[in-house]
Amino acid sequence: MSSKNLVDKKLVNSLTPSAQLVYKTLQLNKKMYVGDLISKTSYSPRTIRNALRQLKNVHLVIQVPDMMDLRRHHYAINTNIAF
């Protein structure tokens, strides 16, 4: 296991359970909208937004604009992270 994966795992384990589940859900589904995350996790919109905020603050997740509708964003795992 690479050192990046170890750091990712420690960082993810330090987050709230809801942020951990959102992160794992994004790992399985590559990119998702908030509504998709709500459906997959059964969490409330507020819980999803708080989890995404935590994940963005530690740079594990990125927010990407939807080029077909710039009012919407999808979320994905940040693959450009450098520790």
PDB file of N, CA and C in Angstrom:
ATOM      1  N   MET A   1       0.858  -1.177   0.000  1.00  0.00           N
ATOM      2  CA  MET A   1       0.000   0.000   0.000  1.00  0.00           C
ATOM      3  C   MET A   1       0.901   1.235   0.000  1.00  0.00           C
ATOM      4  N   SER A   2       0.585   2.193  -0.852  1.00  0.00           N
ATOM      5  CA  SER A   2       1.420   3.388  -0.953  1.00  0.00           C
ATOM      6  C   SER A   2       1.180   4.316   0.235  1.00  0.00           C
ATOM      7  N   SER A   3       2.114   5.241   0.423  1.00  0.00           N
ATOM      8  CA  SER A   3       1.977   6.177   1.542  1.00  0.00           C
ATOM      9  C   SER A   3       0.780   7.098   1.344  1.00  0.00           C
ATOM     10  N   LYS A   4       0.448   7.414   0.086  1.00  0.00           N
ATOM     11  CA  LYS A   4      -0.722   8.247  -0.192  1.00  0.00           C
ATOM     12  C   LYS A   4      -1.990   7.553   0.288  1.00  0.00           C
ATOM     13  N   ASN A   5      -2.113   6.251   0.013  1.00  0.00           N
ATOM     14  CA  ASN A   5      -3.290   5.503   0.445  1.00  0.00           C
ATOM     15  C   ASN A   5      -3.386   5.440   1.959  1.00  0.00           C
ATOM     16  N   LEU A   6      -2.252   5.310   2.644  1.00  0.00           N
ATOM     17  CA  LEU A   6      -2.257   5.294   4.112  1.00  0.00           C
ATOM     18  C   LEU A   6      -2.721   6.626   4.674  1.00  0.00           C
ATOM     19  N   VAL A   7      -2.234   7.710   4.084  1.00  0.00           N
ATOM     20  CA  VAL A   7      -2.638   9.038   4.539  1.00  0.00           C
ATOM     21  C   VAL A   7      -4.114   9.245   4.269  1.00  0.00           C
ATOM     22  N   ASP A   8      -4.579   8.867   3.062  1.00  0.00           N
ATOM     23  CA  ASP A   8      -5.999   8.974   2.738  1.00  0.00           C
ATOM     24  C   ASP A   8      -6.843   8.223   3.754  1.00  0.00           C
ATOM     25  N   LYS A   9      -6.441   7.000   4.064  1.00  0.00           N
ATOM     26  CA  LYS A   9      -7.219   6.162   4.982  1.00  0.00           C
ATOM     27  C   LYS A   9      -7.266   6.787   6.374  1.00  0.00           C
ATOM     28  N   LYS A  10      -6.135   7.273   6.870  1.00  0.00           N
ATOM     29  CA  LYS A  10      -6.113   7.922   8.184  1.00  0.00           C
ATOM     30  C   LYS A  10      -6.969   9.174   8.186  1.00  0.00           C
ATOM     31  N   LEU A  11      -6.872   9.945   7.116  1.00  0.00           N
ATOM     32  CA  LEU A  11      -7.646  11.180   7.015  1.00  0.00           C
ATOM     33  C   LEU A  11      -9.135  10.878   6.964  1.00  0.00           C
ATOM     34  N   VAL A  12      -9.534   9.913   6.167  1.00  0.00           N
ATOM     35  CA  VAL A  12     -10.948   9.537   6.055  1.00  0.00           C
ATOM     36  C   VAL A  12     -11.458   9.018   7.390  1.00  0.00           C
ATOM     37  N   ASN A  13     -10.667   8.215   8.081  1.00  0.00           N
ATOM     38  CA  ASN A  13     -11.092   7.669   9.377  1.00  0.00           C
ATOM     39  C   ASN A  13     -11.244   8.742  10.450  1.00  0.00           C
ATOM     40  N   SER A  14     -10.611   9.889  10.263  1.00  0.00           N
ATOM     41  CA  SER A  14     -10.731  10.969  11.238  1.00  0.00           C
ATOM     42  C   SER A  14     -11.990  11.816  11.025  1.00  0.00           C
ATOM     43  N   LEU A  15     -12.699  11.588   9.931  1.00  0.00           N
ATOM     44  CA  LEU A  15     -13.902  12.362   9.616  1.00  0.00           C
ATOM     45  C   LEU A  15     -15.127  11.767  10.294  1.00  0.00           C
ATOM     46  N   THR A  16     -16.227  12.494  10.213  1.00  0.00           N
ATOM     47  CA  THR A  16     -17.490  12.004  10.771  1.00  0.00           C
ATOM     48  C   THR A  16     -17.962  10.786   9.984  1.00  0.00           C
ATOM     49  N   PRO A  17     -18.798   9.946  10.587  1.00  0.00           N
ATOM     50  CA  PRO A  17     -19.311   8.767   9.871  1.00  0.00           C
ATOM     51  C   PRO A  17     -20.038   9.125   8.569  1.00  0.00           C
ATOM     52  N   SER A  18     -20.760  10.231   8.562  1.00  0.00           N
ATOM     53  CA  SER A  18     -21.467  10.617   7.336  1.00  0.00           C
ATOM     54  C   SER A  18     -20.478  10.998   6.240  1.00  0.00           C
ATOM     55  N   ALA A  19     -19.416  11.702   6.581  1.00  0.00           N
ATOM     56  CA  ALA A  19     -18.401  12.067   5.582  1.00  0.00           C
ATOM     57  C   ALA A  19     -17.688  10.815   5.073  1.00  0.00           C
ATOM     58  N   GLN A  20     -17.453   9.855   5.949  1.00  0.00           N
ATOM     59  CA  GLN A  20     -16.818   8.603   5.533  1.00  0.00           C
ATOM     60  C   GLN A  20     -17.688   7.863   4.523  1.00  0.00           C
ATOM     61  N   LEU A  21     -18.998   7.791   4.797  1.00  0.00           N
ATOM     62  CA  LEU A  21     -19.900   7.091   3.876  1.00  0.00           C
ATOM     63  C   LEU A  21     -19.999   7.820   2.550  1.00  0.00           C
ATOM     64  N   VAL A  22     -20.072   9.136   2.570  1.00  0.00           N
ATOM     65  CA  VAL A  22     -20.128   9.905   1.323  1.00  0.00           C
ATOM     66  C   VAL A  22     -18.851   9.670   0.520  1.00  0.00           C
ATOM     67  N   TYR A  23     -17.704   9.662   1.173  1.00  0.00           N
ATOM     68  CA  TYR A  23     -16.431   9.415   0.491  1.00  0.00           C
ATOM     69  C   TYR A  23     -16.423   8.024  -0.154  1.00  0.00           C
ATOM     70  N   LYS A  24     -16.840   7.019   0.598  1.00  0.00           N
ATOM     71  CA  LYS A  24     -16.865   5.652   0.061  1.00  0.00           C
ATOM     72  C   LYS A  24     -17.868   5.523  -1.087  1.00  0.00           C
ATOM     73  N   THR A  25     -18.984   6.217  -0.986  1.00  0.00           N
ATOM     74  CA  THR A  25     -19.975   6.204  -2.060  1.00  0.00           C
ATOM     75  C   THR A  25     -19.406   6.843  -3.320  1.00  0.00           C
ATOM     76  N   LEU A  26     -18.685   7.937  -3.152  1.00  0.00           N
ATOM     77  CA  LEU A  26     -18.049   8.585  -4.308  1.00  0.00           C
ATOM     78  C   LEU A  26     -16.959   7.697  -4.904  1.00  0.00           C
ATOM     79  N   GLN A  27     -16.246   6.957  -4.093  1.00  0.00           N
ATOM     80  CA  GLN A  27     -15.222   6.044  -4.610  1.00  0.00           C
ATOM     81  C   GLN A  27     -15.848   4.993  -5.527  1.00  0.00           C
ATOM     82  N   LEU A  28     -17.017   4.522  -5.172  1.00  0.00           N
ATOM     83  CA  LEU A  28     -17.687   3.484  -5.958  1.00  0.00           C
ATOM     84  C   LEU A  28     -18.354   4.028  -7.216  1.00  0.00           C
ATOM     85  N   ASN A  29     -18.792   5.286  -7.192  1.00  0.00           N
ATOM     86  CA  ASN A  29     -19.608   5.831  -8.276  1.00  0.00           C
ATOM     87  C   ASN A  29     -18.916   6.911  -9.100  1.00  0.00           C
ATOM     88  N   LYS A  30     -17.681   7.200  -8.826  1.00  0.00           N
ATOM     89  CA  LYS A  30     -16.847   8.163  -9.568  1.00  0.00           C
ATOM     90  C   LYS A  30     -17.304   9.610  -9.426  1.00  0.00           C
ATOM     91  N   LYS A  31     -18.489   9.971  -9.910  1.00  0.00           N
ATOM     92  CA  LYS A  31     -18.975  11.341  -9.726  1.00  0.00           C
ATOM     93  C   LYS A  31     -20.477  11.303  -9.480  1.00  0.00           C
ATOM     94  N   MET A  32     -20.932  12.201  -8.596  1.00  0.00           N
ATOM     95  CA  MET A  32     -22.342  12.196  -8.228  1.00  0.00           C
ATOM     96  C   MET A  32     -22.813  13.610  -7.899  1.00  0.00           C
ATOM     97  N   TYR A  33     -24.098  13.816  -8.088  1.00  0.00           N
ATOM     98  CA  TYR A  33     -24.742  15.052  -7.665  1.00  0.00           C
ATOM     99  C   TYR A  33     -25.243  14.868  -6.230  1.00  0.00           C
ATOM    100  N   VAL A  34     -25.587  15.968  -5.587  1.00  0.00           N
ATOM    101  CA  VAL A  34     -26.090  15.900  -4.210  1.00  0.00           C
ATOM    102  C   VAL A  34     -27.317  14.991  -4.136  1.00  0.00           C
ATOM    103  N   GLY A  35     -28.230  15.133  -5.080  1.00  0.00           N
ATOM    104  CA  GLY A  35     -29.432  14.299  -5.092  1.00  0.00           C
ATOM    105  C   GLY A  35     -29.119  12.820  -5.181  1.00  0.00           C
ATOM    106  N   ASP A  36     -28.098  12.479  -5.964  1.00  0.00           N
ATOM    107  CA  ASP A  36     -27.680  11.082  -6.078  1.00  0.00           C
ATOM    108  C   ASP A  36     -27.130  10.574  -4.749  1.00  0.00           C
ATOM    109  N   LEU A  37     -26.340  11.415  -4.080  1.00  0.00           N
ATOM    110  CA  LEU A  37     -25.786  11.030  -2.780  1.00  0.00           C
ATOM    111  C   LEU A  37     -26.888  10.852  -1.740  1.00  0.00           C
ATOM    112  N   ILE A  38     -27.891  11.710  -1.793  1.00  0.00           N
ATOM    113  CA  ILE A  38     -29.026  11.585  -0.873  1.00  0.00           C
ATOM    114  C   ILE A  38     -29.725  10.247  -1.096  1.00  0.00           C
ATOM    115  N   SER A  39     -29.949   9.896  -2.358  1.00  0.00           N
ATOM    116  CA  SER A  39     -30.620   8.628  -2.681  1.00  0.00           C
ATOM    117  C   SER A  39     -29.806   7.419  -2.248  1.00  0.00           C
ATOM    118  N   LYS A  40     -28.499   7.450  -2.499  1.00  0.00           N
ATOM    119  CA  LYS A  40     -27.642   6.293  -2.185  1.00  0.00           C
ATOM    120  C   LYS A  40     -27.426   6.100  -0.695  1.00  0.00           C
ATOM    121  N   THR A  41     -27.352   7.205   0.064  1.00  0.00           N
ATOM    122  CA  THR A  41     -27.008   7.104   1.480  1.00  0.00           C
ATOM    123  C   THR A  41     -28.209   7.204   2.410  1.00  0.00           C
ATOM    124  N   SER A  42     -29.316   7.732   1.931  1.00  0.00           N
ATOM    125  CA  SER A  42     -30.522   7.993   2.740  1.00  0.00           C
ATOM    126  C   SER A  42     -30.285   9.057   3.806  1.00  0.00           C
ATOM    127  N   TYR A  43     -29.242   9.865   3.635  1.00  0.00           N
ATOM    128  CA  TYR A  43     -28.997  10.987   4.545  1.00  0.00           C
ATOM    129  C   TYR A  43     -29.804  12.200   4.094  1.00  0.00           C
ATOM    130  N   SER A  44     -30.019  13.123   5.019  1.00  0.00           N
ATOM    131  CA  SER A  44     -30.739  14.345   4.690  1.00  0.00           C
ATOM    132  C   SER A  44     -29.845  15.251   3.842  1.00  0.00           C
ATOM    133  N   PRO A  45     -30.443  16.190   3.101  1.00  0.00           N
ATOM    134  CA  PRO A  45     -29.640  17.123   2.305  1.00  0.00           C
ATOM    135  C   PRO A  45     -28.615  17.882   3.153  1.00  0.00           C
ATOM    136  N   ARG A  46     -29.008  18.286   4.358  1.00  0.00           N
ATOM    137  CA  ARG A  46     -28.082  19.012   5.234  1.00  0.00           C
ATOM    138  C   ARG A  46     -26.878  18.150   5.612  1.00  0.00           C
ATOM    139  N   THR A  47     -27.129  16.892   5.932  1.00  0.00           N
ATOM    140  CA  THR A  47     -26.040  15.986   6.295  1.00  0.00           C
ATOM    141  C   THR A  47     -25.084  15.785   5.120  1.00  0.00           C
ATOM    142  N   ILE A  48     -25.639  15.641   3.922  1.00  0.00           N
ATOM    143  CA  ILE A  48     -24.801  15.483   2.725  1.00  0.00           C
ATOM    144  C   ILE A  48     -23.969  16.736   2.496  1.00  0.00           C
ATOM    145  N   ARG A  49     -24.578  17.895   2.590  1.00  0.00           N
ATOM    146  CA  ARG A  49     -23.830  19.147   2.389  1.00  0.00           C
ATOM    147  C   ARG A  49     -22.721  19.302   3.420  1.00  0.00           C
ATOM    148  N   ASN A  50     -23.001  18.968   4.681  1.00  0.00           N
ATOM    149  CA  ASN A  50     -21.968  19.060   5.718  1.00  0.00           C
ATOM    150  C   ASN A  50     -20.830  18.067   5.463  1.00  0.00           C
ATOM    151  N   ALA A  51     -21.183  16.864   5.040  1.00  0.00           N
ATOM    152  CA  ALA A  51     -20.155  15.856   4.734  1.00  0.00           C
ATOM    153  C   ALA A  51     -19.293  16.314   3.561  1.00  0.00           C
ATOM    154  N   LEU A  52     -19.921  16.848   2.524  1.00  0.00           N
ATOM    155  CA  LEU A  52     -19.163  17.342   1.368  1.00  0.00           C
ATOM    156  C   LEU A  52     -18.268  18.515   1.760  1.00  0.00           C
ATOM    157  N   ARG A  53     -18.760  19.376   2.632  1.00  0.00           N
ATOM    158  CA  ARG A  53     -17.951  20.509   3.096  1.00  0.00           C
ATOM    159  C   ARG A  53     -16.699  20.000   3.814  1.00  0.00           C
ATOM    160  N   GLN A  54     -16.879  19.013   4.680  1.00  0.00           N
ATOM    161  CA  GLN A  54     -15.721  18.423   5.377  1.00  0.00           C
ATOM    162  C   GLN A  54     -14.727  17.831   4.386  1.00  0.00           C
ATOM    163  N   LEU A  55     -15.236  17.074   3.434  1.00  0.00           N
ATOM    164  CA  LEU A  55     -14.371  16.415   2.458  1.00  0.00           C
ATOM    165  C   LEU A  55     -13.651  17.424   1.561  1.00  0.00           C
ATOM    166  N   LYS A  56     -14.340  18.498   1.205  1.00  0.00           N
ATOM    167  CA  LYS A  56     -13.685  19.542   0.397  1.00  0.00           C
ATOM    168  C   LYS A  56     -12.636  20.280   1.215  1.00  0.00           C
ATOM    169  N   ASN A  57     -12.898  20.510   2.492  1.00  0.00           N
ATOM    170  CA  ASN A  57     -11.943  21.230   3.344  1.00  0.00           C
ATOM    171  C   ASN A  57     -10.626  20.494   3.506  1.00  0.00           C
ATOM    172  N   VAL A  58     -10.654  19.170   3.460  1.00  0.00           N
ATOM    173  CA  VAL A  58      -9.418  18.386   3.570  1.00  0.00           C
ATOM    174  C   VAL A  58      -8.926  17.920   2.196  1.00  0.00           C
ATOM    175  N   HIS A  59      -9.531  18.455   1.156  1.00  0.00           N
ATOM    176  CA  HIS A  59      -9.124  18.248  -0.241  1.00  0.00           C
ATOM    177  C   HIS A  59      -9.237  16.804  -0.712  1.00  0.00           C
ATOM    178  N   LEU A  60     -10.171  16.053  -0.145  1.00  0.00           N
ATOM    179  CA  LEU A  60     -10.399  14.689  -0.605  1.00  0.00           C
ATOM    180  C   LEU A  60     -11.405  14.641  -1.744  1.00  0.00           C
ATOM    181  N   VAL A  61     -12.255  15.660  -1.833  1.00  0.00           N
ATOM    182  CA  VAL A  61     -13.313  15.704  -2.840  1.00  0.00           C
ATOM    183  C   VAL A  61     -13.250  17.053  -3.548  1.00  0.00           C
ATOM    184  N   ILE A  62     -13.562  17.023  -4.844  1.00  0.00           N
ATOM    185  CA  ILE A  62     -13.636  18.268  -5.612  1.00  0.00           C
ATOM    186  C   ILE A  62     -15.057  18.476  -6.097  1.00  0.00           C
ATOM    187  N   GLN A  63     -15.400  19.735  -6.303  1.00  0.00           N
ATOM    188  CA  GLN A  63     -16.702  20.135  -6.820  1.00  0.00           C
ATOM    189  C   GLN A  63     -16.478  20.577  -8.264  1.00  0.00           C
ATOM    190  N   VAL A  64     -17.212  19.964  -9.188  1.00  0.00           N
ATOM    191  CA  VAL A  64     -17.022  20.226 -10.609  1.00  0.00           C
ATOM    192  C   VAL A  64     -18.322  20.751 -11.199  1.00  0.00           C
ATOM    193  N   PRO A  65     -18.277  21.882 -11.914  1.00  0.00           N
ATOM    194  CA  PRO A  65     -19.510  22.397 -12.515  1.00  0.00           C
ATOM    195  C   PRO A  65     -20.024  21.468 -13.619  1.00  0.00           C
ATOM    196  N   ASP A  66     -21.325  21.375 -13.713  1.00  0.00           N
ATOM    197  CA  ASP A  66     -21.970  20.623 -14.789  1.00  0.00           C
ATOM    198  C   ASP A  66     -21.986  21.527 -16.012  1.00  0.00           C
ATOM    199  N   MET A  67     -21.290  21.154 -17.054  1.00  0.00           N
ATOM    200  CA  MET A  67     -21.161  22.020 -18.226  1.00  0.00           C
ATOM    201  C   MET A  67     -22.470  22.170 -19.004  1.00  0.00           C
ATOM    202  N   MET A  68     -23.427  21.286 -18.760  1.00  0.00           N
ATOM    203  CA  MET A  68     -24.739  21.396 -19.413  1.00  0.00           C
ATOM    204  C   MET A  68     -25.673  22.324 -18.644  1.00  0.00           C
ATOM    205  N   ASP A  69     -25.444  22.478 -17.349  1.00  0.00           N
ATOM    206  CA  ASP A  69     -26.259  23.341 -16.499  1.00  0.00           C
ATOM    207  C   ASP A  69     -25.340  23.890 -15.413  1.00  0.00           C
ATOM    208  N   LEU A  70     -24.812  25.082 -15.622  1.00  0.00           N
ATOM    209  CA  LEU A  70     -23.805  25.638 -14.723  1.00  0.00           C
ATOM    210  C   LEU A  70     -24.334  25.971 -13.333  1.00  0.00           C
ATOM    211  N   ARG A  71     -25.637  25.818 -13.115  1.00  0.00           N
ATOM    212  CA  ARG A  71     -26.181  26.010 -11.762  1.00  0.00           C
ATOM    213  C   ARG A  71     -25.942  24.781 -10.904  1.00  0.00           C
ATOM    214  N   ARG A  72     -25.613  23.654 -11.537  1.00  0.00           N
ATOM    215  CA  ARG A  72     -25.425  22.389 -10.817  1.00  0.00           C
ATOM    216  C   ARG A  72     -23.947  22.020 -10.754  1.00  0.00           C
ATOM    217  N   HIS A  73     -23.629  21.238  -9.759  1.00  0.00           N
ATOM    218  CA  HIS A  73     -22.263  20.714  -9.597  1.00  0.00           C
ATOM    219  C   HIS A  73     -22.336  19.234  -9.286  1.00  0.00           C
ATOM    220  N   HIS A  74     -21.326  18.507  -9.705  1.00  0.00           N
ATOM    221  CA  HIS A  74     -21.184  17.137  -9.227  1.00  0.00           C
ATOM    222  C   HIS A  74     -19.905  17.069  -8.407  1.00  0.00           C
ATOM    223  N   TYR A  75     -19.790  16.014  -7.655  1.00  0.00           N
ATOM    224  CA  TYR A  75     -18.660  15.845  -6.745  1.00  0.00           C
ATOM    225  C   TYR A  75     -17.926  14.572  -7.105  1.00  0.00           C
ATOM    226  N   ALA A  76     -16.615  14.612  -6.939  1.00  0.00           N
ATOM    227  CA  ALA A  76     -15.765  13.463  -7.279  1.00  0.00           C
ATOM    228  C   ALA A  76     -14.581  13.424  -6.335  1.00  0.00           C
ATOM    229  N   ILE A  77     -13.952  12.258  -6.246  1.00  0.00           N
ATOM    230  CA  ILE A  77     -12.738  12.092  -5.450  1.00  0.00           C
ATOM    231  C   ILE A  77     -11.632  12.904  -6.109  1.00  0.00           C
ATOM    232  N   ASN A  78     -10.874  13.611  -5.298  1.00  0.00           N
ATOM    233  CA  ASN A  78      -9.750  14.394  -5.797  1.00  0.00           C
ATOM    234  C   ASN A  78      -8.580  13.463  -6.066  1.00  0.00           C
ATOM    235  N   THR A  79      -8.249  13.275  -7.331  1.00  0.00           N
ATOM    236  CA  THR A  79      -7.147  12.388  -7.695  1.00  0.00           C
ATOM    237  C   THR A  79      -5.828  13.140  -7.811  1.00  0.00           C
ATOM    238  N   ASN A  80      -5.868  14.455  -7.705  1.00  0.00           N
ATOM    239  CA  ASN A  80      -4.653  15.270  -7.834  1.00  0.00           C
ATOM    240  C   ASN A  80      -4.093  15.690  -6.484  1.00  0.00           C
ATOM    241  N   ILE A  81      -4.412  14.938  -5.470  1.00  0.00           N
ATOM    242  CA  ILE A  81      -3.986  15.303  -4.111  1.00  0.00           C
ATOM    243  C   ILE A  81      -2.515  14.945  -3.918  1.00  0.00           C
ATOM    244  N   ALA A  82      -1.780  15.840  -3.296  1.00  0.00           N
ATOM    245  CA  ALA A  82      -0.361  15.603  -3.026  1.00  0.00           C
ATOM    246  C   ALA A  82      -0.101  15.800  -1.541  1.00  0.00           C
ATOM    247  N   PHE A  83       0.458  14.787  -0.897  1.00  0.00           N
ATOM    248  CA  PHE A  83       0.752  14.875   0.538  1.00  0.00           C
ATOM    249  C   PHE A  83       2.222  15.054   0.754  1.00  0.00           C
TER     250      PHE A  83
END
